[in-house]
N, C-alpha and C. Protein backbone atom coordinates (compact mmCIF):
# COMPACT_ATOMS: atom_id res chain seq x y z
N MET A 1 -12.96 7.58 2.06
CA MET A 1 -13.48 6.84 0.93
C MET A 1 -14.18 5.60 1.46
N ASN A 2 -15.25 5.26 0.86
CA ASN A 2 -15.98 4.09 1.31
C ASN A 2 -16.63 3.38 0.16
N GLY A 3 -16.47 2.07 0.13
CA GLY A 3 -17.18 1.24 -0.81
C GLY A 3 -16.40 0.96 -2.07
N ALA A 4 -16.37 -0.31 -2.42
CA ALA A 4 -15.68 -0.75 -3.63
C ALA A 4 -16.61 -0.64 -4.82
N PRO A 5 -16.05 -0.36 -6.00
CA PRO A 5 -16.88 -0.41 -7.20
C PRO A 5 -17.45 -1.83 -7.35
N GLN A 6 -18.66 -1.92 -7.83
CA GLN A 6 -19.31 -3.22 -7.98
C GLN A 6 -18.47 -4.13 -8.88
N GLY A 7 -18.22 -5.34 -8.40
CA GLY A 7 -17.47 -6.32 -9.16
C GLY A 7 -15.98 -6.32 -8.90
N LEU A 8 -15.47 -5.37 -8.11
CA LEU A 8 -14.04 -5.33 -7.83
C LEU A 8 -13.68 -6.49 -6.90
N PRO A 9 -12.71 -7.32 -7.28
CA PRO A 9 -12.34 -8.42 -6.40
C PRO A 9 -11.57 -7.89 -5.19
N PHE A 10 -11.79 -8.52 -4.05
CA PHE A 10 -11.10 -8.14 -2.82
C PHE A 10 -9.79 -8.91 -2.72
N PRO A 11 -8.81 -8.37 -2.00
CA PRO A 11 -7.55 -9.10 -1.80
C PRO A 11 -7.80 -10.42 -1.08
N GLU A 12 -7.02 -11.42 -1.44
CA GLU A 12 -7.11 -12.71 -0.78
C GLU A 12 -5.81 -12.96 -0.02
N ALA A 13 -5.95 -13.18 1.29
CA ALA A 13 -4.78 -13.42 2.13
C ALA A 13 -4.29 -14.85 1.97
N ASP A 14 -2.97 -15.00 2.09
CA ASP A 14 -2.38 -16.33 2.21
C ASP A 14 -1.55 -16.34 3.49
N ALA A 15 -0.80 -17.39 3.73
CA ALA A 15 -0.05 -17.50 4.98
C ALA A 15 0.94 -16.33 5.17
N SER A 16 1.53 -15.86 4.10
CA SER A 16 2.51 -14.78 4.20
C SER A 16 1.87 -13.41 4.37
N THR A 17 0.70 -13.22 3.76
CA THR A 17 0.10 -11.88 3.73
C THR A 17 -1.00 -11.66 4.76
N ALA A 18 -1.46 -12.72 5.42
CA ALA A 18 -2.59 -12.59 6.36
C ALA A 18 -2.37 -11.51 7.43
N PRO A 19 -1.19 -11.44 8.08
CA PRO A 19 -1.02 -10.37 9.08
C PRO A 19 -1.13 -8.96 8.48
N PHE A 20 -0.66 -8.79 7.25
CA PHE A 20 -0.77 -7.48 6.59
C PHE A 20 -2.24 -7.12 6.41
N TRP A 21 -3.05 -8.04 5.85
CA TRP A 21 -4.46 -7.75 5.59
C TRP A 21 -5.27 -7.61 6.88
N GLU A 22 -4.91 -8.37 7.91
CA GLU A 22 -5.57 -8.21 9.21
C GLU A 22 -5.29 -6.82 9.77
N GLY A 23 -4.05 -6.36 9.64
CA GLY A 23 -3.70 -5.01 10.06
C GLY A 23 -4.49 -3.97 9.29
N CYS A 24 -4.59 -4.12 7.98
CA CYS A 24 -5.35 -3.18 7.16
C CYS A 24 -6.80 -3.10 7.62
N ALA A 25 -7.40 -4.23 7.96
CA ALA A 25 -8.79 -4.24 8.42
C ALA A 25 -8.95 -3.41 9.70
N GLN A 26 -7.85 -3.27 10.46
CA GLN A 26 -7.86 -2.47 11.70
C GLN A 26 -7.28 -1.07 11.47
N HIS A 27 -7.06 -0.69 10.21
CA HIS A 27 -6.44 0.59 9.86
C HIS A 27 -5.05 0.72 10.48
N ARG A 28 -4.29 -0.36 10.39
CA ARG A 28 -2.90 -0.38 10.85
C ARG A 28 -2.05 -0.88 9.68
N LEU A 29 -1.09 -0.06 9.25
CA LEU A 29 -0.20 -0.44 8.15
C LEU A 29 0.98 -1.22 8.73
N LEU A 30 0.92 -2.54 8.61
CA LEU A 30 1.95 -3.41 9.16
C LEU A 30 2.91 -3.84 8.06
N VAL A 31 4.20 -3.73 8.36
CA VAL A 31 5.24 -4.08 7.40
C VAL A 31 6.04 -5.24 7.97
N GLN A 32 6.26 -6.24 7.14
CA GLN A 32 7.01 -7.43 7.55
C GLN A 32 8.46 -7.05 7.83
N HIS A 33 8.99 -7.59 8.95
CA HIS A 33 10.33 -7.26 9.41
C HIS A 33 11.05 -8.56 9.77
N CYS A 34 12.21 -8.78 9.17
CA CYS A 34 12.99 -9.97 9.46
C CYS A 34 13.68 -9.81 10.81
N THR A 35 13.43 -10.74 11.71
CA THR A 35 14.04 -10.64 13.04
C THR A 35 15.48 -11.14 13.04
N ARG A 36 15.92 -11.77 11.96
CA ARG A 36 17.31 -12.22 11.89
C ARG A 36 18.24 -11.11 11.39
N CYS A 37 17.89 -10.48 10.25
CA CYS A 37 18.80 -9.48 9.68
C CYS A 37 18.29 -8.04 9.78
N GLY A 38 17.00 -7.86 10.13
CA GLY A 38 16.45 -6.51 10.30
C GLY A 38 15.86 -5.90 9.05
N ALA A 39 15.86 -6.63 7.94
CA ALA A 39 15.31 -6.08 6.69
C ALA A 39 13.79 -6.02 6.77
N PHE A 40 13.24 -5.00 6.11
CA PHE A 40 11.79 -4.87 5.97
C PHE A 40 11.41 -5.33 4.57
N SER A 41 10.22 -5.92 4.42
CA SER A 41 9.81 -6.38 3.10
C SER A 41 8.37 -6.05 2.79
N TYR A 42 8.16 -5.66 1.55
CA TYR A 42 6.83 -5.54 0.99
C TYR A 42 6.96 -5.85 -0.49
N PRO A 43 6.11 -6.68 -1.03
CA PRO A 43 5.02 -7.38 -0.36
C PRO A 43 5.56 -8.44 0.59
N PRO A 44 4.74 -8.85 1.56
CA PRO A 44 5.17 -9.89 2.49
C PRO A 44 5.51 -11.18 1.74
N SER A 45 6.45 -11.92 2.30
CA SER A 45 6.92 -13.13 1.65
C SER A 45 7.21 -14.20 2.70
N ALA A 46 7.29 -15.45 2.28
CA ALA A 46 7.61 -16.54 3.20
C ALA A 46 9.08 -16.53 3.60
N LEU A 47 9.93 -15.94 2.76
CA LEU A 47 11.37 -15.88 3.02
C LEU A 47 11.87 -14.45 2.93
N CYS A 48 12.81 -14.10 3.80
CA CYS A 48 13.45 -12.79 3.71
C CYS A 48 14.27 -12.73 2.43
N ALA A 49 14.08 -11.68 1.65
CA ALA A 49 14.82 -11.53 0.39
C ALA A 49 16.30 -11.27 0.63
N LYS A 50 16.64 -10.77 1.81
CA LYS A 50 18.03 -10.43 2.10
C LYS A 50 18.83 -11.62 2.65
N CYS A 51 18.23 -12.37 3.61
CA CYS A 51 19.00 -13.43 4.26
C CYS A 51 18.36 -14.81 4.18
N GLY A 52 17.15 -14.91 3.64
CA GLY A 52 16.49 -16.19 3.49
C GLY A 52 15.79 -16.72 4.74
N SER A 53 15.77 -15.93 5.79
CA SER A 53 15.14 -16.36 7.05
C SER A 53 13.63 -16.47 6.90
N ARG A 54 13.03 -17.28 7.77
CA ARG A 54 11.58 -17.39 7.86
C ARG A 54 11.08 -16.77 9.17
N GLU A 55 11.95 -16.02 9.84
CA GLU A 55 11.64 -15.45 11.16
C GLU A 55 11.27 -13.97 11.00
N PHE A 56 9.97 -13.68 11.20
CA PHE A 56 9.47 -12.33 10.99
C PHE A 56 8.65 -11.85 12.17
N ASP A 57 8.59 -10.53 12.31
CA ASP A 57 7.57 -9.89 13.11
C ASP A 57 6.99 -8.80 12.22
N TRP A 58 6.07 -8.02 12.76
CA TRP A 58 5.40 -6.99 11.98
C TRP A 58 5.51 -5.66 12.70
N VAL A 59 5.93 -4.63 11.98
CA VAL A 59 6.13 -3.30 12.54
C VAL A 59 5.09 -2.37 11.93
N GLU A 60 4.46 -1.56 12.78
CA GLU A 60 3.46 -0.62 12.28
C GLU A 60 4.13 0.65 11.76
N SER A 61 3.81 1.01 10.54
CA SER A 61 4.31 2.23 9.93
C SER A 61 3.41 3.41 10.27
N ARG A 62 4.00 4.59 10.34
CA ARG A 62 3.22 5.81 10.52
C ARG A 62 2.48 6.17 9.23
N GLY A 63 2.94 5.62 8.09
CA GLY A 63 2.23 5.84 6.83
C GLY A 63 2.55 7.15 6.16
N ARG A 64 3.72 7.66 6.39
CA ARG A 64 4.16 8.90 5.71
C ARG A 64 5.38 8.56 4.86
N GLY A 65 5.47 9.25 3.72
CA GLY A 65 6.60 9.00 2.84
C GLY A 65 6.57 9.90 1.64
N GLU A 66 7.28 9.45 0.59
CA GLU A 66 7.34 10.23 -0.63
C GLU A 66 7.15 9.32 -1.83
N VAL A 67 6.65 9.90 -2.91
CA VAL A 67 6.48 9.15 -4.15
C VAL A 67 7.87 8.86 -4.71
N PHE A 68 8.17 7.56 -4.81
CA PHE A 68 9.44 7.10 -5.36
C PHE A 68 9.38 7.08 -6.88
N THR A 69 8.25 6.60 -7.39
CA THR A 69 7.97 6.61 -8.82
C THR A 69 6.46 6.48 -9.00
N TYR A 70 5.99 6.68 -10.21
CA TYR A 70 4.55 6.60 -10.46
C TYR A 70 4.29 6.34 -11.93
N THR A 71 3.06 5.98 -12.19
CA THR A 71 2.56 5.92 -13.56
C THR A 71 1.11 6.37 -13.54
N ILE A 72 0.64 6.80 -14.66
CA ILE A 72 -0.77 7.19 -14.79
C ILE A 72 -1.44 6.14 -15.66
N ALA A 73 -2.42 5.45 -15.07
CA ALA A 73 -3.15 4.40 -15.79
C ALA A 73 -4.25 5.03 -16.63
N HIS A 74 -4.18 4.80 -17.92
CA HIS A 74 -5.22 5.30 -18.84
C HIS A 74 -6.15 4.18 -19.29
N HIS A 75 -5.78 2.95 -18.94
CA HIS A 75 -6.60 1.78 -19.24
C HIS A 75 -6.86 1.07 -17.92
N ALA A 76 -8.10 0.75 -17.66
CA ALA A 76 -8.47 0.13 -16.38
C ALA A 76 -7.82 -1.24 -16.22
N ALA A 77 -7.28 -1.48 -15.03
CA ALA A 77 -6.69 -2.78 -14.72
C ALA A 77 -7.77 -3.84 -14.49
N HIS A 78 -8.98 -3.40 -14.25
CA HIS A 78 -10.12 -4.29 -14.03
C HIS A 78 -11.37 -3.56 -14.50
N PRO A 79 -12.34 -4.25 -15.08
CA PRO A 79 -13.56 -3.58 -15.57
C PRO A 79 -14.29 -2.76 -14.50
N ALA A 80 -14.16 -3.15 -13.24
CA ALA A 80 -14.87 -2.43 -12.17
C ALA A 80 -14.35 -1.01 -11.97
N VAL A 81 -13.15 -0.69 -12.45
CA VAL A 81 -12.60 0.65 -12.26
C VAL A 81 -12.50 1.44 -13.58
N LYS A 82 -13.23 0.98 -14.59
CA LYS A 82 -13.14 1.64 -15.90
C LYS A 82 -13.58 3.10 -15.85
N ASP A 83 -14.46 3.46 -14.92
CA ASP A 83 -14.92 4.84 -14.82
C ASP A 83 -13.96 5.73 -14.04
N GLN A 84 -12.88 5.16 -13.53
CA GLN A 84 -11.95 5.93 -12.71
C GLN A 84 -10.69 6.35 -13.46
N VAL A 85 -10.53 5.93 -14.70
CA VAL A 85 -9.33 6.31 -15.45
C VAL A 85 -9.44 7.75 -15.91
N PRO A 86 -8.36 8.48 -15.99
CA PRO A 86 -7.02 8.05 -15.57
C PRO A 86 -6.87 8.12 -14.05
N TYR A 87 -6.03 7.24 -13.51
CA TYR A 87 -5.73 7.26 -12.08
C TYR A 87 -4.25 7.04 -11.87
N GLY A 88 -3.75 7.53 -10.76
CA GLY A 88 -2.34 7.43 -10.46
C GLY A 88 -2.00 6.18 -9.67
N VAL A 89 -1.02 5.44 -10.16
CA VAL A 89 -0.46 4.30 -9.42
C VAL A 89 0.91 4.77 -8.94
N ILE A 90 1.10 4.72 -7.63
CA ILE A 90 2.34 5.25 -7.06
C ILE A 90 3.09 4.18 -6.29
N VAL A 91 4.39 4.36 -6.22
CA VAL A 91 5.24 3.57 -5.33
C VAL A 91 5.76 4.55 -4.29
N VAL A 92 5.38 4.29 -3.04
CA VAL A 92 5.74 5.18 -1.93
C VAL A 92 6.92 4.60 -1.17
N ARG A 93 7.93 5.43 -0.95
CA ARG A 93 9.03 5.05 -0.06
C ARG A 93 8.64 5.56 1.32
N LEU A 94 8.36 4.62 2.23
CA LEU A 94 7.95 5.01 3.58
C LEU A 94 9.12 5.64 4.34
N ASP A 95 8.81 6.64 5.17
CA ASP A 95 9.84 7.29 5.97
C ASP A 95 10.43 6.34 7.01
N ASP A 96 9.59 5.42 7.49
CA ASP A 96 10.04 4.48 8.50
C ASP A 96 10.11 3.08 7.88
N CYS A 97 10.26 2.08 8.68
CA CYS A 97 10.28 0.68 8.19
C CYS A 97 11.33 0.47 7.12
N GLY A 98 12.49 1.06 7.32
CA GLY A 98 13.61 0.84 6.41
C GLY A 98 13.44 1.43 5.03
N GLY A 99 12.49 2.36 4.89
CA GLY A 99 12.26 2.96 3.57
C GLY A 99 11.67 1.99 2.57
N VAL A 100 10.95 0.98 3.07
CA VAL A 100 10.35 -0.02 2.20
C VAL A 100 9.45 0.67 1.16
N LEU A 101 9.32 0.06 -0.01
CA LEU A 101 8.51 0.60 -1.09
C LEU A 101 7.16 -0.10 -1.13
N LEU A 102 6.10 0.68 -1.19
CA LEU A 102 4.73 0.15 -1.16
C LEU A 102 3.98 0.70 -2.37
N THR A 103 3.37 -0.17 -3.15
CA THR A 103 2.59 0.23 -4.31
C THR A 103 1.15 0.51 -3.89
N SER A 104 0.61 1.64 -4.35
CA SER A 104 -0.75 2.02 -3.97
C SER A 104 -1.28 3.01 -5.00
N ASN A 105 -2.20 3.85 -4.55
CA ASN A 105 -2.78 4.88 -5.40
C ASN A 105 -2.76 6.21 -4.68
N LEU A 106 -2.68 7.29 -5.45
CA LEU A 106 -2.87 8.64 -4.93
C LEU A 106 -4.35 8.96 -5.09
N VAL A 107 -4.97 9.40 -4.01
CA VAL A 107 -6.39 9.71 -4.02
C VAL A 107 -6.59 11.18 -3.67
N ASP A 108 -7.75 11.70 -3.95
CA ASP A 108 -8.12 13.07 -3.60
C ASP A 108 -7.20 14.12 -4.20
N ALA A 109 -6.62 13.80 -5.36
CA ALA A 109 -5.78 14.77 -6.06
C ALA A 109 -5.78 14.40 -7.54
N PRO A 110 -5.69 15.38 -8.42
CA PRO A 110 -5.64 15.06 -9.85
C PRO A 110 -4.31 14.39 -10.21
N VAL A 111 -4.32 13.58 -11.25
CA VAL A 111 -3.09 12.91 -11.65
C VAL A 111 -2.00 13.91 -12.04
N GLU A 112 -2.41 15.10 -12.42
CA GLU A 112 -1.41 16.13 -12.77
C GLU A 112 -0.57 16.54 -11.56
N ALA A 113 -1.03 16.25 -10.35
CA ALA A 113 -0.29 16.59 -9.14
C ALA A 113 0.87 15.62 -8.88
N LEU A 114 0.87 14.48 -9.55
CA LEU A 114 1.90 13.47 -9.31
C LEU A 114 3.27 13.95 -9.74
N ARG A 115 4.25 13.67 -8.88
CA ARG A 115 5.65 13.92 -9.21
C ARG A 115 6.51 13.11 -8.25
N VAL A 116 7.69 12.75 -8.68
CA VAL A 116 8.64 12.05 -7.82
C VAL A 116 9.01 13.01 -6.68
N GLY A 117 9.04 12.49 -5.47
CA GLY A 117 9.38 13.30 -4.30
C GLY A 117 8.18 13.91 -3.60
N LEU A 118 6.99 13.80 -4.19
CA LEU A 118 5.78 14.34 -3.58
C LEU A 118 5.56 13.69 -2.22
N ARG A 119 5.36 14.51 -1.19
CA ARG A 119 5.12 13.99 0.16
C ARG A 119 3.67 13.52 0.27
N VAL A 120 3.51 12.31 0.79
CA VAL A 120 2.19 11.72 0.90
C VAL A 120 1.97 11.13 2.30
N MET A 121 0.68 10.93 2.61
CA MET A 121 0.32 10.34 3.90
C MET A 121 -0.76 9.29 3.68
N LEU A 122 -0.78 8.33 4.57
CA LEU A 122 -1.69 7.21 4.49
C LEU A 122 -3.13 7.63 4.75
N VAL A 123 -4.04 7.11 3.93
CA VAL A 123 -5.49 7.20 4.16
C VAL A 123 -6.04 5.80 3.91
N TRP A 124 -7.17 5.51 4.49
CA TRP A 124 -7.73 4.17 4.36
C TRP A 124 -8.94 4.19 3.45
N ASP A 125 -9.01 3.21 2.58
CA ASP A 125 -10.13 3.01 1.67
C ASP A 125 -10.89 1.78 2.16
N ASP A 126 -12.01 2.01 2.84
CA ASP A 126 -12.83 0.92 3.37
C ASP A 126 -13.72 0.38 2.26
N LEU A 127 -13.39 -0.80 1.75
CA LEU A 127 -14.13 -1.38 0.65
C LEU A 127 -15.39 -2.07 1.11
N ALA A 128 -15.31 -2.71 2.28
CA ALA A 128 -16.43 -3.46 2.85
C ALA A 128 -16.09 -3.69 4.32
N GLU A 129 -17.02 -4.24 5.05
CA GLU A 129 -16.77 -4.56 6.46
C GLU A 129 -15.55 -5.47 6.56
N GLY A 130 -14.51 -5.02 7.28
CA GLY A 130 -13.31 -5.82 7.48
C GLY A 130 -12.33 -5.84 6.32
N VAL A 131 -12.57 -5.02 5.29
CA VAL A 131 -11.67 -4.98 4.13
C VAL A 131 -11.30 -3.53 3.86
N ALA A 132 -10.03 -3.19 4.07
CA ALA A 132 -9.56 -1.83 3.84
C ALA A 132 -8.23 -1.89 3.09
N LEU A 133 -8.04 -0.92 2.20
CA LEU A 133 -6.80 -0.81 1.44
C LEU A 133 -6.05 0.46 1.85
N PRO A 134 -4.72 0.35 1.97
CA PRO A 134 -3.94 1.56 2.22
C PRO A 134 -3.79 2.35 0.93
N ARG A 135 -4.20 3.59 0.97
CA ARG A 135 -4.03 4.51 -0.15
C ARG A 135 -3.26 5.71 0.38
N PHE A 136 -2.95 6.65 -0.49
CA PHE A 136 -2.19 7.82 -0.07
C PHE A 136 -2.78 9.10 -0.63
N ALA A 137 -2.66 10.16 0.16
CA ALA A 137 -3.09 11.49 -0.23
C ALA A 137 -1.90 12.43 -0.05
N ILE A 138 -1.96 13.57 -0.71
CA ILE A 138 -0.89 14.55 -0.54
C ILE A 138 -0.83 14.95 0.92
N GLU A 139 0.39 14.95 1.49
CA GLU A 139 0.58 15.27 2.90
C GLU A 139 0.21 16.73 3.16
N ARG A 140 -0.55 16.92 4.19
CA ARG A 140 -0.95 18.26 4.61
C ARG A 140 -0.20 18.60 5.89
N PRO A 141 0.24 19.84 6.03
CA PRO A 141 0.97 20.22 7.25
C PRO A 141 0.11 20.15 8.49
């Protein structure tokens, strides 16, 4: 996939999320990892939700997992994607990185294919130079 719909705002990094977005630009799915207690977190945060630590590193995920839950959007979340409804919004439980949950979209499949437990794999949506979003497609053997 390439190119953002005209008018779609790009993600804005802050101090907590910058390493995640830098990884995405390199097609690397990086997940925040607390070096004190070992918990993984998404979305990235300034404090570990489990122990309150500010000590993190970043672990690269293989990007495979299963649909934990989903919804089908029938109303566009932004005017730039009004022509894409209905679309699937999924929460993926990654196989690695402590089974962290990541919110994204299912692409290259009809929304009727969505179901809890569906095996998915990471694909990259290059919106612009240096801006990529992690999306998911049905896992192929």
